[in-house]
PDB file of N, CA and C in Angstrom:
ATOM      1  N   MET A   1     -85.671 151.003 115.556  1.00  0.00           N
ATOM      2  CA  MET A   1     -84.702 152.032 115.120  1.00  0.00           C
ATOM      3  C   MET A   1     -85.328 152.909 114.055  1.00  0.00           C
ATOM      4  N   THR A   2     -85.433 154.268 114.160  1.00  0.00           N
ATOM      5  CA  THR A   2     -85.910 155.131 113.288  1.00  0.00           C
ATOM      6  C   THR A   2     -84.882 155.679 112.459  1.00  0.00           C
ATOM      7  N   LEU A   3     -85.307 156.408 111.327  1.00  0.00           N
ATOM      8  CA  LEU A   3     -84.116 157.050 110.268  1.00  0.00           C
ATOM      9  C   LEU A   3     -83.401 157.983 111.209  1.00  0.00           C
ATOM     10  N   ASN A   4     -83.906 158.690 112.147  1.00  0.00           N
ATOM     11  CA  ASN A   4     -83.036 159.716 112.942  1.00  0.00           C
ATOM     12  C   ASN A   4     -82.057 158.817 113.861  1.00  0.00           C
ATOM     13  N   GLU A   5     -82.586 157.777 114.269  1.00  0.00           N
ATOM     14  CA  GLU A   5     -81.675 157.023 115.222  1.00  0.00           C
ATOM     15  C   GLU A   5     -80.525 156.405 114.321  1.00  0.00           C
ATOM     16  N   LEU A   6     -80.982 155.915 113.132  1.00  0.00           N
ATOM     17  CA  LEU A   6     -79.896 155.447 112.206  1.00  0.00           C
ATOM     18  C   LEU A   6     -78.781 156.364 111.854  1.00  0.00           C
ATOM     19  N   ARG A   7     -79.272 157.631 111.675  1.00  0.00           N
ATOM     20  CA  ARG A   7     -78.451 158.728 111.297  1.00  0.00           C
ATOM     21  C   ARG A   7     -77.445 158.995 112.481  1.00  0.00           C
ATOM     22  N   GLU A   8     -78.028 158.931 113.632  1.00  0.00           N
ATOM     23  CA  GLU A   8     -77.298 159.273 114.800  1.00  0.00           C
ATOM     24  C   GLU A   8     -76.307 158.191 115.459  1.00  0.00           C
ATOM     25  N   SER A   9     -76.507 157.032 115.090  1.00  0.00           N
ATOM     26  CA  SER A   9     -75.970 155.846 115.585  1.00  0.00           C
ATOM     27  C   SER A   9     -74.445 155.846 115.102  1.00  0.00           C
ATOM     28  N   ASP A  10     -73.646 155.202 116.149  1.00  0.00           N
ATOM     29  CA  ASP A  10     -72.282 155.014 115.803  1.00  0.00           C
ATOM     30  C   ASP A  10     -71.945 153.615 115.473  1.00  0.00           C
ATOM     31  N   LYS A  11     -72.852 152.730 115.404  1.00  0.00           N
ATOM     32  CA  LYS A  11     -72.601 151.239 115.194  1.00  0.00           C
ATOM     33  C   LYS A  11     -72.214 151.192 113.644  1.00  0.00           C
ATOM     34  N   ALA A  12     -71.237 150.281 113.486  1.00  0.00           N
ATOM     35  CA  ALA A  12     -70.740 150.100 112.196  1.00  0.00           C
ATOM     36  C   ALA A  12     -71.634 149.105 111.329  1.00  0.00           C
ATOM     37  N   LEU A  13     -72.121 148.138 112.045  1.00  0.00           N
ATOM     38  CA  LEU A  13     -73.078 147.062 111.503  1.00  0.00           C
ATOM     39  C   LEU A  13     -74.392 147.078 112.261  1.00  0.00           C
ATOM     40  N   LEU A  14     -75.425 146.913 111.289  1.00  0.00           N
ATOM     41  CA  LEU A  14     -76.903 146.903 111.751  1.00  0.00           C
ATOM     42  C   LEU A  14     -77.325 145.397 111.533  1.00  0.00           C
ATOM     43  N   THR A  15     -78.424 145.037 112.386  1.00  0.00           N
ATOM     44  CA  THR A  15     -79.272 143.936 112.363  1.00  0.00           C
ATOM     45  C   THR A  15     -80.248 144.022 111.292  1.00  0.00           C
ATOM     46  N   PRO A  16     -80.839 142.939 110.670  1.00  0.00           N
ATOM     47  CA  PRO A  16     -82.002 143.062 109.844  1.00  0.00           C
ATOM     48  C   PRO A  16     -83.098 143.682 110.565  1.00  0.00           C
ATOM     49  N   LYS A  17     -83.250 143.281 111.927  1.00  0.00           N
ATOM     50  CA  LYS A  17     -84.192 143.922 112.797  1.00  0.00           C
ATOM     51  C   LYS A  17     -84.294 145.351 112.822  1.00  0.00           C
ATOM     52  N   GLU A  18     -83.133 145.961 112.961  1.00  0.00           N
ATOM     53  CA  GLU A  18     -82.931 147.506 113.095  1.00  0.00           C
ATOM     54  C   GLU A  18     -83.356 148.091 111.740  1.00  0.00           C
ATOM     55  N   VAL A  19     -82.768 147.544 110.566  1.00  0.00           N
ATOM     56  CA  VAL A  19     -83.028 148.044 109.337  1.00  0.00           C
ATOM     57  C   VAL A  19     -84.437 147.946 108.908  1.00  0.00           C
ATOM     58  N   ALA A  20     -85.180 146.790 109.271  1.00  0.00           N
ATOM     59  CA  ALA A  20     -86.508 146.657 109.022  1.00  0.00           C
ATOM     60  C   ALA A  20     -87.358 147.617 109.561  1.00  0.00           C
ATOM     61  N   SER A  21     -87.024 147.871 110.888  1.00  0.00           N
ATOM     62  CA  SER A  21     -87.932 148.829 111.572  1.00  0.00           C
ATOM     63  C   SER A  21     -87.763 150.341 111.228  1.00  0.00           C
ATOM     64  N   ALA A  22     -86.533 150.710 110.660  1.00  0.00           N
ATOM     65  CA  ALA A  22     -86.255 151.867 110.116  1.00  0.00           C
ATOM     66  C   ALA A  22     -86.979 152.239 108.778  1.00  0.00           C
ATOM     67  N   LEU A  23     -86.967 150.985 107.972  1.00  0.00           N
ATOM     68  CA  LEU A  23     -87.424 151.148 106.606  1.00  0.00           C
ATOM     69  C   LEU A  23     -89.057 150.676 106.450  1.00  0.00           C
ATOM     70  N   GLY A  24     -89.515 150.187 107.541  1.00  0.00           N
ATOM     71  CA  GLY A  24     -90.863 149.709 107.490  1.00  0.00           C
ATOM     72  C   GLY A  24     -91.081 148.265 106.662  1.00  0.00           C
ATOM     73  N   LEU A  25     -89.951 147.452 106.712  1.00  0.00           N
ATOM     74  CA  LEU A  25     -89.969 146.289 105.922  1.00  0.00           C
ATOM     75  C   LEU A  25     -89.866 145.059 107.051  1.00  0.00           C
ATOM     76  N   ASP A  26     -90.123 143.858 106.449  1.00  0.00           N
ATOM     77  CA  ASP A  26     -90.079 142.720 107.340  1.00  0.00           C
ATOM     78  C   ASP A  26     -88.733 142.173 107.483  1.00  0.00           C
ATOM     79  N   GLU A  27     -88.295 142.000 108.682  1.00  0.00           N
ATOM     80  CA  GLU A  27     -86.828 141.649 108.883  1.00  0.00           C
ATOM     81  C   GLU A  27     -86.493 140.215 108.373  1.00  0.00           C
ATOM     82  N   GLN A  28     -87.572 139.248 108.447  1.00  0.00           N
ATOM     83  CA  GLN A  28     -87.271 138.150 107.677  1.00  0.00           C
ATOM     84  C   GLN A  28     -87.008 138.061 106.310  1.00  0.00           C
ATOM     85  N   GLY A  29     -87.869 138.870 105.631  1.00  0.00           N
ATOM     86  CA  GLY A  29     -87.738 139.133 104.333  1.00  0.00           C
ATOM     87  C   GLY A  29     -86.254 139.750 103.818  1.00  0.00           C
ATOM     88  N   ILE A  30     -85.725 140.558 104.695  1.00  0.00           N
ATOM     89  CA  ILE A  30     -84.407 141.038 104.629  1.00  0.00           C
ATOM     90  C   ILE A  30     -83.344 139.905 104.604  1.00  0.00           C
ATOM     91  N   ARG A  31     -83.595 138.982 105.518  1.00  0.00           N
ATOM     92  CA  ARG A  31     -82.659 137.940 105.821  1.00  0.00           C
ATOM     93  C   ARG A  31     -82.806 136.954 104.523  1.00  0.00           C
ATOM     94  N   VAL A  32     -83.914 136.765 104.154  1.00  0.00           N
ATOM     95  CA  VAL A  32     -84.006 135.707 103.025  1.00  0.00           C
ATOM     96  C   VAL A  32     -83.451 136.287 101.678  1.00  0.00           C
ATOM     97  N   MET A  33     -83.744 137.527 101.596  1.00  0.00           N
ATOM     98  CA  MET A  33     -83.128 138.199 100.264  1.00  0.00           C
ATOM     99  C   MET A  33     -81.596 138.286 100.423  1.00  0.00           C
ATOM    100  N   ALA A  34     -81.171 138.482 101.611  1.00  0.00           N
ATOM    101  CA  ALA A  34     -79.654 138.484 101.837  1.00  0.00           C
ATOM    102  C   ALA A  34     -79.174 137.268 101.271  1.00  0.00           C
ATOM    103  N   HIS A  35     -79.645 136.046 101.600  1.00  0.00           N
ATOM    104  CA  HIS A  35     -79.289 134.796 101.298  1.00  0.00           C
ATOM    105  C   HIS A  35     -79.373 134.395  99.787  1.00  0.00           C
ATOM    106  N   THR A  36     -80.673 134.711  99.353  1.00  0.00           N
ATOM    107  CA  THR A  36     -81.002 134.334  98.115  1.00  0.00           C
ATOM    108  C   THR A  36     -80.512 135.246  96.826  1.00  0.00           C
ATOM    109  N   CYS A  37     -80.677 136.461  97.120  1.00  0.00           N
ATOM    110  CA  CYS A  37     -80.316 137.510  96.101  1.00  0.00           C
ATOM    111  C   CYS A  37     -79.848 138.793  96.683  1.00  0.00           C
ATOM    112  N   PRO A  38     -78.829 138.906  97.237  1.00  0.00           N
ATOM    113  CA  PRO A  38     -78.476 140.109  97.871  1.00  0.00           C
ATOM    114  C   PRO A  38     -78.377 141.350  97.151  1.00  0.00           C
ATOM    115  N   LYS A  39     -78.075 141.259  95.750  1.00  0.00           N
ATOM    116  CA  LYS A  39     -77.907 142.403  94.908  1.00  0.00           C
ATOM    117  C   LYS A  39     -79.375 143.103  94.680  1.00  0.00           C
ATOM    118  N   ARG A  40     -80.443 142.402  95.043  1.00  0.00           N
ATOM    119  CA  ARG A  40     -81.749 142.869  94.715  1.00  0.00           C
ATOM    120  C   ARG A  40     -82.141 143.877  95.900  1.00  0.00           C
ATOM    121  N   LEU A  41     -81.460 143.781  97.025  1.00  0.00           N
ATOM    122  CA  LEU A  41     -81.780 144.731  98.239  1.00  0.00           C
ATOM    123  C   LEU A  41     -81.383 146.112  97.857  1.00  0.00           C
ATOM    124  N   GLY A  42     -80.316 146.290  97.093  1.00  0.00           N
ATOM    125  CA  GLY A  42     -79.739 147.578  96.782  1.00  0.00           C
ATOM    126  C   GLY A  42     -78.739 148.067  97.694  1.00  0.00           C
ATOM    127  N   PHE A  43     -78.490 147.611  98.659  1.00  0.00           N
ATOM    128  CA  PHE A  43     -77.544 147.971  99.769  1.00  0.00           C
ATOM    129  C   PHE A  43     -76.584 146.798 100.019  1.00  0.00           C
ATOM    130  N   PRO A  44     -75.337 146.753 100.455  1.00  0.00           N
ATOM    131  CA  PRO A  44     -74.667 145.673 100.811  1.00  0.00           C
ATOM    132  C   PRO A  44     -75.051 145.024 102.030  1.00  0.00           C
ATOM    133  N   VAL A  45     -74.876 143.784 102.078  1.00  0.00           N
ATOM    134  CA  VAL A  45     -75.153 142.731 103.220  1.00  0.00           C
ATOM    135  C   VAL A  45     -73.926 142.011 103.369  1.00  0.00           C
ATOM    136  N   MET A  46     -73.840 141.503 104.662  1.00  0.00           N
ATOM    137  CA  MET A  46     -72.758 140.570 105.104  1.00  0.00           C
ATOM    138  C   MET A  46     -73.477 139.370 105.658  1.00  0.00           C
ATOM    139  N   VAL A  47     -73.284 138.082 105.112  1.00  0.00           N
ATOM    140  CA  VAL A  47     -73.882 137.001 105.550  1.00  0.00           C
ATOM    141  C   VAL A  47     -72.647 136.115 106.045  1.00  0.00           C
ATOM    142  N   THR A  48     -72.805 136.069 107.557  1.00  0.00           N
ATOM    143  CA  THR A  48     -71.607 135.308 108.158  1.00  0.00           C
ATOM    144  C   THR A  48     -72.057 134.263 109.208  1.00  0.00           C
ATOM    145  N   GLY A  49     -71.084 133.700 109.903  1.00  0.00           N
ATOM    146  CA  GLY A  49     -71.609 132.780 110.969  1.00  0.00           C
ATOM    147  C   GLY A  49     -71.642 131.369 110.387  1.00  0.00           C
ATOM    148  N   ARG A  50     -71.843 130.422 111.419  1.00  0.00           N
ATOM    149  CA  ARG A  50     -72.030 129.074 111.076  1.00  0.00           C
ATOM    150  C   ARG A  50     -73.172 128.814 110.154  1.00  0.00           C
ATOM    151  N   LYS A  51     -72.945 128.320 109.055  1.00  0.00           N
ATOM    152  CA  LYS A  51     -73.973 128.125 108.181  1.00  0.00           C
ATOM    153  C   LYS A  51     -74.670 129.230 107.503  1.00  0.00           C
ATOM    154  N   GLY A  52     -73.963 130.396 107.645  1.00  0.00           N
ATOM    155  CA  GLY A  52     -74.348 131.538 107.159  1.00  0.00           C
ATOM    156  C   GLY A  52     -75.763 132.169 107.793  1.00  0.00           C
ATOM    157  N   ARG A  53     -75.732 131.957 108.930  1.00  0.00           N
ATOM    158  CA  ARG A  53     -77.217 132.262 109.606  1.00  0.00           C
ATOM    159  C   ARG A  53     -77.024 133.792 110.137  1.00  0.00           C
ATOM    160  N   SER A  54     -75.979 134.482 109.969  1.00  0.00           N
ATOM    161  CA  SER A  54     -75.950 135.910 110.608  1.00  0.00           C
ATOM    162  C   SER A  54     -75.846 136.785 109.436  1.00  0.00           C
ATOM    163  N   VAL A  55     -76.993 137.679 109.398  1.00  0.00           N
ATOM    164  CA  VAL A  55     -76.842 138.821 108.404  1.00  0.00           C
ATOM    165  C   VAL A  55     -76.610 140.199 109.192  1.00  0.00           C
ATOM    166  N   ARG A  56     -75.812 140.944 108.611  1.00  0.00           N
ATOM    167  CA  ARG A  56     -75.427 142.319 109.110  1.00  0.00           C
ATOM    168  C   ARG A  56     -75.407 143.280 107.914  1.00  0.00           C
ATOM    169  N   ILE A  57     -75.798 144.480 108.122  1.00  0.00           N
ATOM    170  CA  ILE A  57     -75.922 145.488 107.180  1.00  0.00           C
ATOM    171  C   ILE A  57     -74.927 146.580 107.533  1.00  0.00           C
ATOM    172  N   PRO A  58     -73.936 146.887 106.663  1.00  0.00           N
ATOM    173  CA  PRO A  58     -73.143 148.104 107.033  1.00  0.00           C
ATOM    174  C   PRO A  58     -73.873 149.378 106.932  1.00  0.00           C
ATOM    175  N   ARG A  59     -73.723 150.094 108.141  1.00  0.00           N
ATOM    176  CA  ARG A  59     -74.611 151.416 108.279  1.00  0.00           C
ATOM    177  C   ARG A  59     -74.463 152.455 107.257  1.00  0.00           C
ATOM    178  N   VAL A  60     -73.069 152.786 107.009  1.00  0.00           N
ATOM    179  CA  VAL A  60     -72.749 153.892 106.104  1.00  0.00           C
ATOM    180  C   VAL A  60     -73.101 153.748 104.594  1.00  0.00           C
ATOM    181  N   PRO A  61     -72.938 152.462 104.199  1.00  0.00           N
ATOM    182  CA  PRO A  61     -73.434 152.219 102.811  1.00  0.00           C
ATOM    183  C   PRO A  61     -74.927 152.141 102.789  1.00  0.00           C
ATOM    184  N   LEU A  62     -75.703 151.772 103.855  1.00  0.00           N
ATOM    185  CA  LEU A  62     -77.093 151.742 103.807  1.00  0.00           C
ATOM    186  C   LEU A  62     -77.567 153.139 103.737  1.00  0.00           C
ATOM    187  N   MET A  63     -76.873 154.038 104.561  1.00  0.00           N
ATOM    188  CA  MET A  63     -77.332 155.494 104.582  1.00  0.00           C
ATOM    189  C   MET A  63     -77.088 156.048 103.156  1.00  0.00           C
ATOM    190  N   ARG A  64     -76.082 155.873 102.556  1.00  0.00           N
ATOM    191  CA  ARG A  64     -75.823 156.337 101.137  1.00  0.00           C
ATOM    192  C   ARG A  64     -76.909 155.915 100.383  1.00  0.00           C
ATOM    193  N   TYR A  65     -77.363 154.577 100.388  1.00  0.00           N
ATOM    194  CA  TYR A  65     -78.369 154.072  99.517  1.00  0.00           C
ATOM    195  C   TYR A  65     -79.547 154.772  99.828  1.00  0.00           C
ATOM    196  N   LEU A  66     -79.818 155.130 100.971  1.00  0.00           N
ATOM    197  CA  LEU A  66     -80.967 155.855 101.321  1.00  0.00           C
ATOM    198  C   LEU A  66     -81.036 157.378 101.222  1.00  0.00           C
ATOM    199  N   GLY A  67     -79.864 157.929 100.731  1.00  0.00           N
ATOM    200  CA  GLY A  67     -79.579 159.353 100.578  1.00  0.00           C
ATOM    201  C   GLY A  67     -79.685 160.173 101.846  1.00  0.00           C
ATOM    202  N   ILE A  68     -79.105 159.578 102.981  1.00  0.00           N
ATOM    203  CA  ILE A  68     -79.257 160.156 104.238  1.00  0.00           C
ATOM    204  C   ILE A  68     -77.594 160.703 104.543  1.00  0.00           C
ATOM    205  N   GLU A  69     -77.779 161.915 104.848  1.00  0.00           N
ATOM    206  CA  GLU A  69     -76.380 162.448 105.224  1.00  0.00           C
ATOM    207  C   GLU A  69     -75.934 162.140 106.560  1.00  0.00           C
ATOM    208  N   GLN A  70     -74.756 162.007 106.857  1.00  0.00           N
ATOM    209  CA  GLN A  70     -74.163 161.709 108.220  1.00  0.00           C
ATOM    210  C   GLN A  70     -74.065 162.895 109.209  1.00  0.00           C
TER     211      GLN A  70
END
């Protein structure tokens, strides 16, 4: 996913893989940080599922963090 695709998307929640490709980061690094110290990411994350294995990133707050207009 690119930043333009992120802007045009209507998805409420994104996966670490989608965010990583848009930001040029490692998706596993996002997952690890979401579990260990989510505040250091700078944008909100949701850790859900059985044993907290599912990480989702709310798209609108992520866009605000990046300074992207909708």
